[in-house]
Amino acid sequence: MTTLMWVGGGSNNIYQASNWSPAQSPQPGDTLYMDSGTANMAGGNLAGDTLHVGTQISFSSSMPPAVINLSDDATLTAIAATTSFAQQSIVFNASGFDTLNLTINSNYYATMSTQVNIAAYSLLRGTVAVGGHNGELTIHGAKYSFFDNDGPSSVGNNCVATINADVLGIGSFAVSSQSSLAFLHGVGPGQSVSLAGFDALDIGKPHAFLGLVDVENAAPSFNVELAGITNADSYSYANDLLTLFQGGRPIDMLRFLDQGSFQVSENSSGIAISGSANSLPPGSVLLPLHDATHGFS
């Protein structure tokens, strides 16, 4: 077992021995580091090793970005992290059908941004764990691209994740306290989101969100935003299904599980579902419960 440091060169082939120091191709059990630069990973799985991405140089005011390009059914397990006082951008680009299991571990002093880009007509499988101090992740999908969240993903305390791609597969997202998760595109029925309390979930396309939202342990403080729905006048909640109405007509539904109490309000941006301890967002009006006989109660 050897510790290898990425140096790159030429075509930046991640399997080429001369692109590592010492000069040898990754073998099972090796420890792999990539401070910065570009690595092209066409197929394979790096002998099953984890790639540690991010500068290992302390007290660096800034570092060139680290960029990993996945293609041809590549499979990568990576940890994105920088050392103290380091500022760096870490980017993963995926093209075709690839797998990425990504952990983000930001530290207190670092200013690190991590982005995953999925090319057009591509599918990226895997999971994400956004953690550390103020960890941040953006997943961006081009035209007809998808993120197959095929296991347990998470957004840790004081962290933020934005997924700007359609999400497929069977998996989950656990959102911790003081954190937020945003879906800007569709989410399939095999996905679930659990809210621990004092956290936020933004749903950019409510009509295309088919997942389950689970408020754990009847958390008294949380916020779920349904963007763009500004014409509801009442709601109902039964059998873990929250339904929004305009007049007597249902206009949208959300699979929603909460054993505690919550309130539903509307403003110029959309619908907010929040714990009873939350104050209403500015300009919001509480919606009444729907009454099937009289339209609303």
C-alpha atoms as a PDB file:
ATOM      1  CA  MET A   1       0.000   0.000   0.000  1.00  0.00           C
ATOM      2  CA  THR A   2       1.405   3.345  -1.145  1.00  0.00           C
ATOM      3  CA  THR A   3       0.453   7.013  -0.776  1.00  0.00           C
ATOM      4  CA  LEU A   4       0.248   8.556  -4.252  1.00  0.00           C
ATOM      5  CA  MET A   5       0.061  12.284  -5.075  1.00  0.00           C
ATOM      6  CA  TRP A   6      -1.435  13.457  -8.373  1.00  0.00           C
ATOM      7  CA  VAL A   7       0.986  15.474 -10.525  1.00  0.00           C
ATOM      8  CA  GLY A   8      -0.749  15.187 -13.900  1.00  0.00           C
ATOM      9  CA  GLY A   9       0.669  15.788 -17.336  1.00  0.00           C
ATOM     10  CA  GLY A  10      -0.008  15.080 -20.981  1.00  0.00           C
ATOM     11  CA  SER A  11      -3.528  13.765 -21.413  1.00  0.00           C
ATOM     12  CA  ASN A  12      -4.001  13.748 -17.613  1.00  0.00           C
ATOM     13  CA  ASN A  13      -4.983  10.083 -17.760  1.00  0.00           C
ATOM     14  CA  ILE A  14      -5.688   9.111 -14.157  1.00  0.00           C
ATOM     15  CA  TYR A  15      -4.425   5.576 -14.782  1.00  0.00           C
ATOM     16  CA  GLN A  16      -1.063   6.607 -16.249  1.00  0.00           C
ATOM     17  CA  ALA A  17       1.754   5.859 -13.810  1.00  0.00           C
ATOM     18  CA  SER A  18       3.803   8.955 -14.667  1.00  0.00           C
ATOM     19  CA  ASN A  19       0.916  11.196 -13.564  1.00  0.00           C
ATOM     20  CA  TRP A  20       1.385  10.072  -9.947  1.00  0.00           C
ATOM     21  CA  SER A  21       4.212  10.527  -7.480  1.00  0.00           C
ATOM     22  CA  PRO A  22       5.782   8.082  -6.946  1.00  0.00           C
ATOM     23  CA  ALA A  23       5.283   7.014 -10.548  1.00  0.00           C
ATOM     24  CA  GLN A  24       2.961   4.036 -10.435  1.00  0.00           C
ATOM     25  CA  SER A  25      -0.646   3.287 -11.287  1.00  0.00           C
ATOM     26  CA  PRO A  26      -3.082   3.069  -8.348  1.00  0.00           C
ATOM     27  CA  GLN A  27      -3.258  -0.363  -6.745  1.00  0.00           C
ATOM     28  CA  PRO A  28      -5.841  -1.724  -4.294  1.00  0.00           C
ATOM     29  CA  GLY A  29      -5.321  -0.220  -0.837  1.00  0.00           C
ATOM     30  CA  ASP A  30      -3.352   2.833  -2.006  1.00  0.00           C
ATOM     31  CA  THR A  31      -4.051   6.282  -0.521  1.00  0.00           C
ATOM     32  CA  LEU A  32      -4.672   8.779  -3.322  1.00  0.00           C
ATOM     33  CA  TYR A  33      -4.395  12.576  -3.084  1.00  0.00           C
ATOM     34  CA  MET A  34      -5.128  15.268  -5.682  1.00  0.00           C
ATOM     35  CA  ASP A  35      -4.345  18.846  -4.625  1.00  0.00           C
ATOM     36  CA  SER A  36      -5.332  20.592  -7.854  1.00  0.00           C
ATOM     37  CA  GLY A  37      -5.141  20.267 -11.634  1.00  0.00           C
ATOM     38  CA  THR A  38      -7.188  18.082 -13.989  1.00  0.00           C
ATOM     39  CA  ALA A  39      -7.614  14.313 -14.032  1.00  0.00           C
ATOM     40  CA  ASN A  40      -9.430  12.394 -16.782  1.00  0.00           C
ATOM     41  CA  MET A  41     -10.983   9.128 -15.636  1.00  0.00           C
ATOM     42  CA  ALA A  42     -12.343   7.087 -18.529  1.00  0.00           C
ATOM     43  CA  GLY A  43     -13.854   3.918 -17.102  1.00  0.00           C
ATOM     44  CA  GLY A  44     -12.535   1.805 -14.249  1.00  0.00           C
ATOM     45  CA  ASN A  45     -12.732   2.404 -10.510  1.00  0.00           C
ATOM     46  CA  LEU A  46      -9.197   3.415  -9.416  1.00  0.00           C
ATOM     47  CA  ALA A  47      -8.605  -0.090  -8.049  1.00  0.00           C
ATOM     48  CA  GLY A  48     -11.434   0.566  -5.602  1.00  0.00           C
ATOM     49  CA  ASP A  49      -9.458   3.277  -3.790  1.00  0.00           C
ATOM     50  CA  THR A  50     -10.863   6.575  -2.486  1.00  0.00           C
ATOM     51  CA  LEU A  51      -9.596   9.776  -4.115  1.00  0.00           C
ATOM     52  CA  HIS A  52      -8.964  12.635  -1.659  1.00  0.00           C
ATOM     53  CA  VAL A  53      -9.534  15.838  -3.626  1.00  0.00           C
ATOM     54  CA  GLY A  54      -8.470  19.288  -2.416  1.00  0.00           C
ATOM     55  CA  THR A  55      -5.306  21.084  -1.449  1.00  0.00           C
ATOM     56  CA  GLN A  56      -3.247  19.616   1.360  1.00  0.00           C
ATOM     57  CA  ILE A  57      -1.204  22.845   1.670  1.00  0.00           C
ATOM     58  CA  SER A  58      -1.997  24.811   4.825  1.00  0.00           C
ATOM     59  CA  PHE A  59      -2.275  28.608   4.942  1.00  0.00           C
ATOM     60  CA  SER A  60      -2.858  28.947   1.210  1.00  0.00           C
ATOM     61  CA  SER A  61      -4.855  32.060   0.296  1.00  0.00           C
ATOM     62  CA  SER A  62      -5.994  30.449  -2.943  1.00  0.00           C
ATOM     63  CA  MET A  63      -5.380  27.351  -5.008  1.00  0.00           C
ATOM     64  CA  PRO A  64      -6.119  26.427  -8.644  1.00  0.00           C
ATOM     65  CA  PRO A  65      -9.239  24.292  -8.969  1.00  0.00           C
ATOM     66  CA  ALA A  66      -9.226  20.521  -8.885  1.00  0.00           C
ATOM     67  CA  VAL A  67     -11.203  19.054 -11.803  1.00  0.00           C
ATOM     68  CA  ILE A  68     -12.078  15.380 -12.312  1.00  0.00           C
ATOM     69  CA  ASN A  69     -13.669  14.340 -15.608  1.00  0.00           C
ATOM     70  CA  LEU A  70     -15.608  11.048 -15.487  1.00  0.00           C
ATOM     71  CA  SER A  71     -16.614   9.150 -18.633  1.00  0.00           C
ATOM     72  CA  ASP A  72     -17.085   5.677 -20.114  1.00  0.00           C
ATOM     73  CA  ASP A  73     -18.805   4.137 -17.065  1.00  0.00           C
ATOM     74  CA  ALA A  74     -16.246   5.350 -14.554  1.00  0.00           C
ATOM     75  CA  THR A  75     -16.884   4.643 -10.856  1.00  0.00           C
ATOM     76  CA  LEU A  76     -15.320   6.917  -8.252  1.00  0.00           C
ATOM     77  CA  THR A  77     -15.469   7.283  -4.482  1.00  0.00           C
ATOM     78  CA  ALA A  78     -14.149  10.725  -3.534  1.00  0.00           C
ATOM     79  CA  ILE A  79     -13.714  12.949  -0.495  1.00  0.00           C
ATOM     80  CA  ALA A  80     -13.568  16.688  -1.185  1.00  0.00           C
ATOM     81  CA  ALA A  81     -11.735  18.566   1.565  1.00  0.00           C
ATOM     82  CA  THR A  82      -9.165  21.317   1.968  1.00  0.00           C
ATOM     83  CA  THR A  83      -6.826  22.190   4.798  1.00  0.00           C
ATOM     84  CA  SER A  84      -6.878  25.372   6.893  1.00  0.00           C
ATOM     85  CA  PHE A  85      -7.108  28.793   5.254  1.00  0.00           C
ATOM     86  CA  ALA A  86      -7.371  27.270   1.765  1.00  0.00           C
ATOM     87  CA  GLN A  87      -9.712  28.679  -0.897  1.00  0.00           C
ATOM     88  CA  GLN A  88     -10.498  26.295  -3.713  1.00  0.00           C
ATOM     89  CA  SER A  89     -13.074  25.139  -6.240  1.00  0.00           C
ATOM     90  CA  ILE A  90     -13.539  21.390  -6.722  1.00  0.00           C
ATOM     91  CA  VAL A  91     -15.395  20.214  -9.834  1.00  0.00           C
ATOM     92  CA  PHE A  92     -16.583  16.800 -10.994  1.00  0.00           C
ATOM     93  CA  ASN A  93     -17.749  16.514 -14.621  1.00  0.00           C
ATOM     94  CA  ALA A  94     -19.660  13.396 -15.668  1.00  0.00           C
ATOM     95  CA  SER A  95     -20.392  12.333 -19.238  1.00  0.00           C
ATOM     96  CA  GLY A  96     -22.277   9.206 -20.300  1.00  0.00           C
ATOM     97  CA  PHE A  97     -23.120   6.709 -17.557  1.00  0.00           C
ATOM     98  CA  ASP A  98     -20.925   7.077 -14.486  1.00  0.00           C
ATOM     99  CA  THR A  99     -21.000   6.554 -10.713  1.00  0.00           C
ATOM    100  CA  LEU A 100     -19.817   9.027  -8.076  1.00  0.00           C
ATOM    101  CA  ASN A 101     -20.065   8.539  -4.322  1.00  0.00           C
ATOM    102  CA  LEU A 102     -19.017  11.917  -2.962  1.00  0.00           C
ATOM    103  CA  THR A 103     -18.311  13.110   0.573  1.00  0.00           C
ATOM    104  CA  ILE A 104     -17.718  16.809   1.269  1.00  0.00           C
ATOM    105  CA  ASN A 105     -15.871  17.683   4.466  1.00  0.00           C
ATOM    106  CA  SER A 106     -15.368  21.441   4.693  1.00  0.00           C
ATOM    107  CA  ASN A 107     -13.308  22.787   7.569  1.00  0.00           C
ATOM    108  CA  TYR A 108     -13.832  25.924   9.639  1.00  0.00           C
ATOM    109  CA  TYR A 109     -11.248  28.087   7.853  1.00  0.00           C
ATOM    110  CA  ALA A 110     -11.592  26.931   4.239  1.00  0.00           C
ATOM    111  CA  THR A 111     -13.648  28.589   1.527  1.00  0.00           C
ATOM    112  CA  MET A 112     -14.413  25.611  -0.686  1.00  0.00           C
ATOM    113  CA  SER A 113     -17.064  25.198  -3.359  1.00  0.00           C
ATOM    114  CA  THR A 114     -17.895  21.794  -4.815  1.00  0.00           C
ATOM    115  CA  GLN A 115     -19.826  21.346  -8.046  1.00  0.00           C
ATOM    116  CA  VAL A 116     -20.943  18.293  -9.986  1.00  0.00           C
ATOM    117  CA  ASN A 117     -21.811  18.822 -13.661  1.00  0.00           C
ATOM    118  CA  ILE A 118     -23.753  16.166 -15.572  1.00  0.00           C
ATOM    119  CA  ALA A 119     -23.448  16.450 -19.331  1.00  0.00           C
ATOM    120  CA  ALA A 120     -26.423  16.390 -21.710  1.00  0.00           C
ATOM    121  CA  TYR A 121     -27.983  12.950 -22.271  1.00  0.00           C
ATOM    122  CA  SER A 122     -26.002  11.552 -19.336  1.00  0.00           C
ATOM    123  CA  LEU A 123     -26.847   9.733 -16.110  1.00  0.00           C
ATOM    124  CA  LEU A 124     -24.818   9.915 -12.919  1.00  0.00           C
ATOM    125  CA  ARG A 125     -25.429   7.316 -10.225  1.00  0.00           C
ATOM    126  CA  GLY A 126     -24.304   7.525  -6.623  1.00  0.00           C
ATOM    127  CA  THR A 127     -24.788   9.355  -3.352  1.00  0.00           C
ATOM    128  CA  VAL A 128     -23.642  12.611  -1.783  1.00  0.00           C
ATOM    129  CA  ALA A 129     -22.814  13.460   1.831  1.00  0.00           C
ATOM    130  CA  VAL A 130     -22.390  17.193   2.401  1.00  0.00           C
ATOM    131  CA  GLY A 131     -20.669  17.800   5.710  1.00  0.00           C
ATOM    132  CA  GLY A 132     -18.086  19.680   7.690  1.00  0.00           C
ATOM    133  CA  HIS A 133     -18.339  23.385   8.490  1.00  0.00           C
ATOM    134  CA  ASN A 134     -20.699  25.139   6.063  1.00  0.00           C
ATOM    135  CA  GLY A 135     -20.317  22.433   3.445  1.00  0.00           C
ATOM    136  CA  GLU A 136     -21.804  23.346   0.080  1.00  0.00           C
ATOM    137  CA  LEU A 137     -22.685  21.329  -3.026  1.00  0.00           C
ATOM    138  CA  THR A 138     -24.290  22.163  -6.360  1.00  0.00           C
ATOM    139  CA  ILE A 139     -25.301  19.476  -8.852  1.00  0.00           C
ATOM    140  CA  HIS A 140     -26.042  20.897 -12.288  1.00  0.00           C
ATOM    141  CA  GLY A 141     -27.582  18.860 -15.080  1.00  0.00           C
ATOM    142  CA  ALA A 142     -27.571  19.795 -18.746  1.00  0.00           C
ATOM    143  CA  LYS A 143     -30.381  18.918 -21.162  1.00  0.00           C
ATOM    144  CA  TYR A 144     -31.819  15.404 -20.663  1.00  0.00           C
ATOM    145  CA  SER A 145     -29.431  14.543 -17.848  1.00  0.00           C
ATOM    146  CA  PHE A 146     -30.253  12.734 -14.606  1.00  0.00           C
ATOM    147  CA  PHE A 147     -28.912  12.092 -11.116  1.00  0.00           C
ATOM    148  CA  ASP A 148     -29.730   8.577  -9.890  1.00  0.00           C
ATOM    149  CA  ASN A 149     -29.537   8.884  -6.121  1.00  0.00           C
ATOM    150  CA  ASP A 150     -29.273   5.166  -5.434  1.00  0.00           C
ATOM    151  CA  GLY A 151     -28.719   5.158  -1.659  1.00  0.00           C
ATOM    152  CA  PRO A 152     -28.636   7.314   1.470  1.00  0.00           C
ATOM    153  CA  SER A 153     -27.495  10.885   0.789  1.00  0.00           C
ATOM    154  CA  SER A 154     -27.269  13.586   3.448  1.00  0.00           C
ATOM    155  CA  VAL A 155     -26.882  17.293   4.132  1.00  0.00           C
ATOM    156  CA  GLY A 156     -25.143  17.835   7.466  1.00  0.00           C
ATOM    157  CA  ASN A 157     -25.495  20.590  10.055  1.00  0.00           C
ATOM    158  CA  ASN A 158     -25.113  24.127   8.649  1.00  0.00           C
ATOM    159  CA  CYS A 159     -24.674  22.768   5.113  1.00  0.00           C
ATOM    160  CA  VAL A 160     -26.378  23.541   1.800  1.00  0.00           C
ATOM    161  CA  ALA A 161     -27.097  21.398  -1.264  1.00  0.00           C
ATOM    162  CA  THR A 162     -28.737  22.481  -4.522  1.00  0.00           C
ATOM    163  CA  ILE A 163     -29.702  19.851  -7.090  1.00  0.00           C
ATOM    164  CA  ASN A 164     -30.390  21.397 -10.479  1.00  0.00           C
ATOM    165  CA  ALA A 165     -31.053  18.113 -12.289  1.00  0.00           C
ATOM    166  CA  ASP A 166     -33.832  15.540 -12.424  1.00  0.00           C
ATOM    167  CA  VAL A 167     -33.445  12.983  -9.620  1.00  0.00           C
ATOM    168  CA  LEU A 168     -34.284   9.323 -10.268  1.00  0.00           C
ATOM    169  CA  GLY A 169     -33.822   5.995  -8.516  1.00  0.00           C
ATOM    170  CA  ILE A 170     -34.555   4.660  -5.049  1.00  0.00           C
ATOM    171  CA  GLY A 171     -32.776   6.608  -2.332  1.00  0.00           C
ATOM    172  CA  SER A 172     -33.059   9.153   0.436  1.00  0.00           C
ATOM    173  CA  PHE A 173     -31.841  12.571   1.554  1.00  0.00           C
ATOM    174  CA  ALA A 174     -31.415  13.259   5.279  1.00  0.00           C
ATOM    175  CA  VAL A 175     -31.357  16.990   6.081  1.00  0.00           C
ATOM    176  CA  SER A 176     -29.877  17.963   9.436  1.00  0.00           C
ATOM    177  CA  SER A 177     -30.531  20.962  11.660  1.00  0.00           C
ATOM    178  CA  GLN A 178     -29.759  24.454  10.303  1.00  0.00           C
ATOM    179  CA  SER A 179     -29.313  23.052   6.797  1.00  0.00           C
ATOM    180  CA  SER A 180     -31.115  23.357   3.492  1.00  0.00           C
ATOM    181  CA  LEU A 181     -31.747  21.246   0.407  1.00  0.00           C
ATOM    182  CA  ALA A 182     -33.168  22.526  -2.872  1.00  0.00           C
ATOM    183  CA  PHE A 183     -34.515  20.546  -5.819  1.00  0.00           C
ATOM    184  CA  LEU A 184     -34.851  22.722  -8.919  1.00  0.00           C
ATOM    185  CA  HIS A 185     -36.120  19.945 -11.217  1.00  0.00           C
ATOM    186  CA  GLY A 186     -38.220  16.809 -10.929  1.00  0.00           C
ATOM    187  CA  VAL A 187     -37.826  14.142  -8.236  1.00  0.00           C
ATOM    188  CA  GLY A 188     -39.003  10.552  -8.745  1.00  0.00           C
ATOM    189  CA  PRO A 189     -41.348   8.588  -6.452  1.00  0.00           C
ATOM    190  CA  GLY A 190     -38.526   6.377  -5.139  1.00  0.00           C
ATOM    191  CA  GLN A 191     -36.894   9.271  -3.289  1.00  0.00           C
ATOM    192  CA  SER A 192     -37.587  10.464   0.269  1.00  0.00           C
ATOM    193  CA  VAL A 193     -36.442  13.530   2.193  1.00  0.00           C
ATOM    194  CA  SER A 194     -36.268  13.517   5.996  1.00  0.00           C
ATOM    195  CA  LEU A 195     -36.216  16.804   7.909  1.00  0.00           C
ATOM    196  CA  ALA A 196     -34.689  16.838  11.385  1.00  0.00           C
ATOM    197  CA  GLY A 197     -36.062  20.256  12.370  1.00  0.00           C
ATOM    198  CA  PHE A 198     -34.730  23.817  12.063  1.00  0.00           C
ATOM    199  CA  ASP A 199     -34.020  23.065   8.412  1.00  0.00           C
ATOM    200  CA  ALA A 200     -35.456  23.907   4.996  1.00  0.00           C
ATOM    201  CA  LEU A 201     -36.495  22.141   1.812  1.00  0.00           C
ATOM    202  CA  ASP A 202     -37.085  24.108  -1.405  1.00  0.00           C
ATOM    203  CA  ILE A 203     -39.030  22.424  -4.196  1.00  0.00           C
ATOM    204  CA  GLY A 204     -38.642  24.332  -7.452  1.00  0.00           C
ATOM    205  CA  LYS A 205     -41.114  22.306  -9.539  1.00  0.00           C
ATOM    206  CA  PRO A 206     -43.831  21.022  -7.190  1.00  0.00           C
ATOM    207  CA  HIS A 207     -45.816  19.338  -9.977  1.00  0.00           C
ATOM    208  CA  ALA A 208     -42.754  17.219 -10.806  1.00  0.00           C
ATOM    209  CA  PHE A 209     -41.858  16.370  -7.201  1.00  0.00           C
ATOM    210  CA  LEU A 210     -43.127  12.828  -6.539  1.00  0.00           C
ATOM    211  CA  GLY A 211     -40.961  12.005  -3.537  1.00  0.00           C
ATOM    212  CA  LEU A 212     -41.941  11.738   0.126  1.00  0.00           C
ATOM    213  CA  VAL A 213     -41.206  14.485   2.669  1.00  0.00           C
ATOM    214  CA  ASP A 214     -40.885  13.109   6.205  1.00  0.00           C
ATOM    215  CA  VAL A 215     -40.721  15.463   9.198  1.00  0.00           C
ATOM    216  CA  GLU A 216     -38.890  13.343  11.771  1.00  0.00           C
ATOM    217  CA  ASN A 217     -40.039  13.130  15.389  1.00  0.00           C
ATOM    218  CA  ALA A 218     -42.756  15.737  14.828  1.00  0.00           C
ATOM    219  CA  ALA A 219     -40.075  18.461  14.637  1.00  0.00           C
ATOM    220  CA  PRO A 220     -41.670  21.767  15.668  1.00  0.00           C
ATOM    221  CA  SER A 221     -39.600  23.967  13.381  1.00  0.00           C
ATOM    222  CA  PHE A 222     -39.017  23.366   9.668  1.00  0.00           C
ATOM    223  CA  ASN A 223     -39.904  24.978   6.353  1.00  0.00           C
ATOM    224  CA  VAL A 224     -40.903  23.420   3.027  1.00  0.00           C
ATOM    225  CA  GLU A 225     -41.264  25.829   0.082  1.00  0.00           C
ATOM    226  CA  LEU A 226     -43.336  24.932  -2.985  1.00  0.00           C
ATOM    227  CA  ALA A 227     -42.304  27.484  -5.575  1.00  0.00           C
ATOM    228  CA  GLY A 228     -44.734  29.054  -8.021  1.00  0.00           C
ATOM    229  CA  ILE A 229     -48.048  27.951  -6.491  1.00  0.00           C
ATOM    230  CA  THR A 230     -49.807  31.251  -5.828  1.00  0.00           C
ATOM    231  CA  ASN A 231     -53.458  30.412  -6.550  1.00  0.00           C
ATOM    232  CA  ALA A 232     -54.352  28.031  -3.710  1.00  0.00           C
ATOM    233  CA  ASP A 233     -57.081  29.003  -1.267  1.00  0.00           C
ATOM    234  CA  SER A 234     -57.273  25.937   1.023  1.00  0.00           C
ATOM    235  CA  TYR A 235     -55.631  22.606   1.765  1.00  0.00           C
ATOM    236  CA  SER A 236     -56.411  19.166   3.141  1.00  0.00           C
ATOM    237  CA  TYR A 237     -54.217  16.604   4.890  1.00  0.00           C
ATOM    238  CA  ALA A 238     -55.096  12.913   5.122  1.00  0.00           C
ATOM    239  CA  ASN A 239     -53.304   9.594   4.662  1.00  0.00           C
ATOM    240  CA  ASP A 240     -49.898  11.307   4.456  1.00  0.00           C
ATOM    241  CA  LEU A 241     -51.033  13.397   1.505  1.00  0.00           C
ATOM    242  CA  LEU A 242     -51.261  17.180   1.538  1.00  0.00           C
ATOM    243  CA  THR A 243     -53.570  18.509  -1.174  1.00  0.00           C
ATOM    244  CA  LEU A 244     -53.848  22.140  -2.274  1.00  0.00           C
ATOM    245  CA  PHE A 245     -57.138  23.466  -3.646  1.00  0.00           C
ATOM    246  CA  GLN A 246     -58.342  26.387  -5.688  1.00  0.00           C
ATOM    247  CA  GLY A 247     -62.065  26.637  -5.055  1.00  0.00           C
ATOM    248  CA  GLY A 248     -63.214  23.035  -5.026  1.00  0.00           C
ATOM    249  CA  ARG A 249     -60.542  21.824  -7.432  1.00  0.00           C
ATOM    250  CA  PRO A 250     -57.273  20.166  -6.322  1.00  0.00           C
ATOM    251  CA  ILE A 251     -54.307  21.840  -8.002  1.00  0.00           C
ATOM    252  CA  ASP A 252     -51.317  20.027  -6.467  1.00  0.00           C
ATOM    253  CA  MET A 253     -50.404  17.321  -3.964  1.00  0.00           C
ATOM    254  CA  LEU A 254     -47.395  16.509  -1.797  1.00  0.00           C
ATOM    255  CA  ARG A 255     -46.587  13.203  -0.116  1.00  0.00           C
ATOM    256  CA  PHE A 256     -46.012  14.530   3.374  1.00  0.00           C
ATOM    257  CA  LEU A 257     -45.546  12.741   6.695  1.00  0.00           C
ATOM    258  CA  ASP A 258     -45.695  14.733   9.931  1.00  0.00           C
ATOM    259  CA  GLN A 259     -46.925  13.471  13.290  1.00  0.00           C
ATOM    260  CA  GLY A 260     -46.841  16.988  14.758  1.00  0.00           C
ATOM    261  CA  SER A 261     -48.620  20.204  13.841  1.00  0.00           C
ATOM    262  CA  PHE A 262     -47.870  22.472  10.918  1.00  0.00           C
ATOM    263  CA  GLN A 263     -49.295  25.441   9.061  1.00  0.00           C
ATOM    264  CA  VAL A 264     -49.722  26.133   5.364  1.00  0.00           C
ATOM    265  CA  SER A 265     -49.368  29.646   4.011  1.00  0.00           C
ATOM    266  CA  GLU A 266     -49.112  31.355   0.636  1.00  0.00           C
ATOM    267  CA  ASN A 267     -47.274  34.414  -0.623  1.00  0.00           C
ATOM    268  CA  SER A 268     -46.187  35.831  -3.969  1.00  0.00           C
ATOM    269  CA  SER A 269     -43.434  33.199  -4.261  1.00  0.00           C
ATOM    270  CA  GLY A 270     -45.503  30.104  -3.526  1.00  0.00           C
ATOM    271  CA  ILE A 271     -46.615  27.847  -0.697  1.00  0.00           C
ATOM    272  CA  ALA A 272     -44.822  27.445   2.631  1.00  0.00           C
ATOM    273  CA  ILE A 273     -45.414  24.448   4.905  1.00  0.00           C
ATOM    274  CA  SER A 274     -43.860  25.154   8.270  1.00  0.00           C
ATOM    275  CA  GLY A 275     -43.775  23.929  11.843  1.00  0.00           C
ATOM    276  CA  SER A 276     -46.149  25.647  14.216  1.00  0.00           C
ATOM    277  CA  ALA A 277     -43.273  27.395  15.979  1.00  0.00           C
ATOM    278  CA  ASN A 278     -42.212  29.122  12.770  1.00  0.00           C
ATOM    279  CA  SER A 279     -43.232  32.678  12.023  1.00  0.00           C
ATOM    280  CA  LEU A 280     -44.917  33.256   8.695  1.00  0.00           C
ATOM    281  CA  PRO A 281     -42.717  34.360   5.798  1.00  0.00           C
ATOM    282  CA  PRO A 282     -43.195  38.063   4.921  1.00  0.00           C
ATOM    283  CA  GLY A 283     -46.398  38.789   3.026  1.00  0.00           C
ATOM    284  CA  SER A 284     -47.852  35.343   3.724  1.00  0.00           C
ATOM    285  CA  VAL A 285     -51.474  34.462   4.358  1.00  0.00           C
ATOM    286  CA  LEU A 286     -52.501  31.303   6.227  1.00  0.00           C
ATOM    287  CA  LEU A 287     -54.594  28.873   4.186  1.00  0.00           C
ATOM    288  CA  PRO A 288     -57.660  27.297   5.828  1.00  0.00           C
ATOM    289  CA  LEU A 289     -58.497  23.618   5.807  1.00  0.00           C
ATOM    290  CA  HIS A 290     -60.534  22.576   2.818  1.00  0.00           C
ATOM    291  CA  ASP A 291     -64.164  21.601   3.335  1.00  0.00           C
ATOM    292  CA  ALA A 292     -65.439  19.314   0.590  1.00  0.00           C
ATOM    293  CA  THR A 293     -69.014  20.457   1.249  1.00  0.00           C
ATOM    294  CA  HIS A 294     -68.577  24.189   1.355  1.00  0.00           C
ATOM    295  CA  GLY A 295     -65.278  24.616  -0.458  1.00  0.00           C
ATOM    296  CA  PHE A 296     -63.287  25.415   2.703  1.00  0.00           C
ATOM    297  CA  SER A 297     -63.736  25.778   6.431  1.00  0.00           C
END
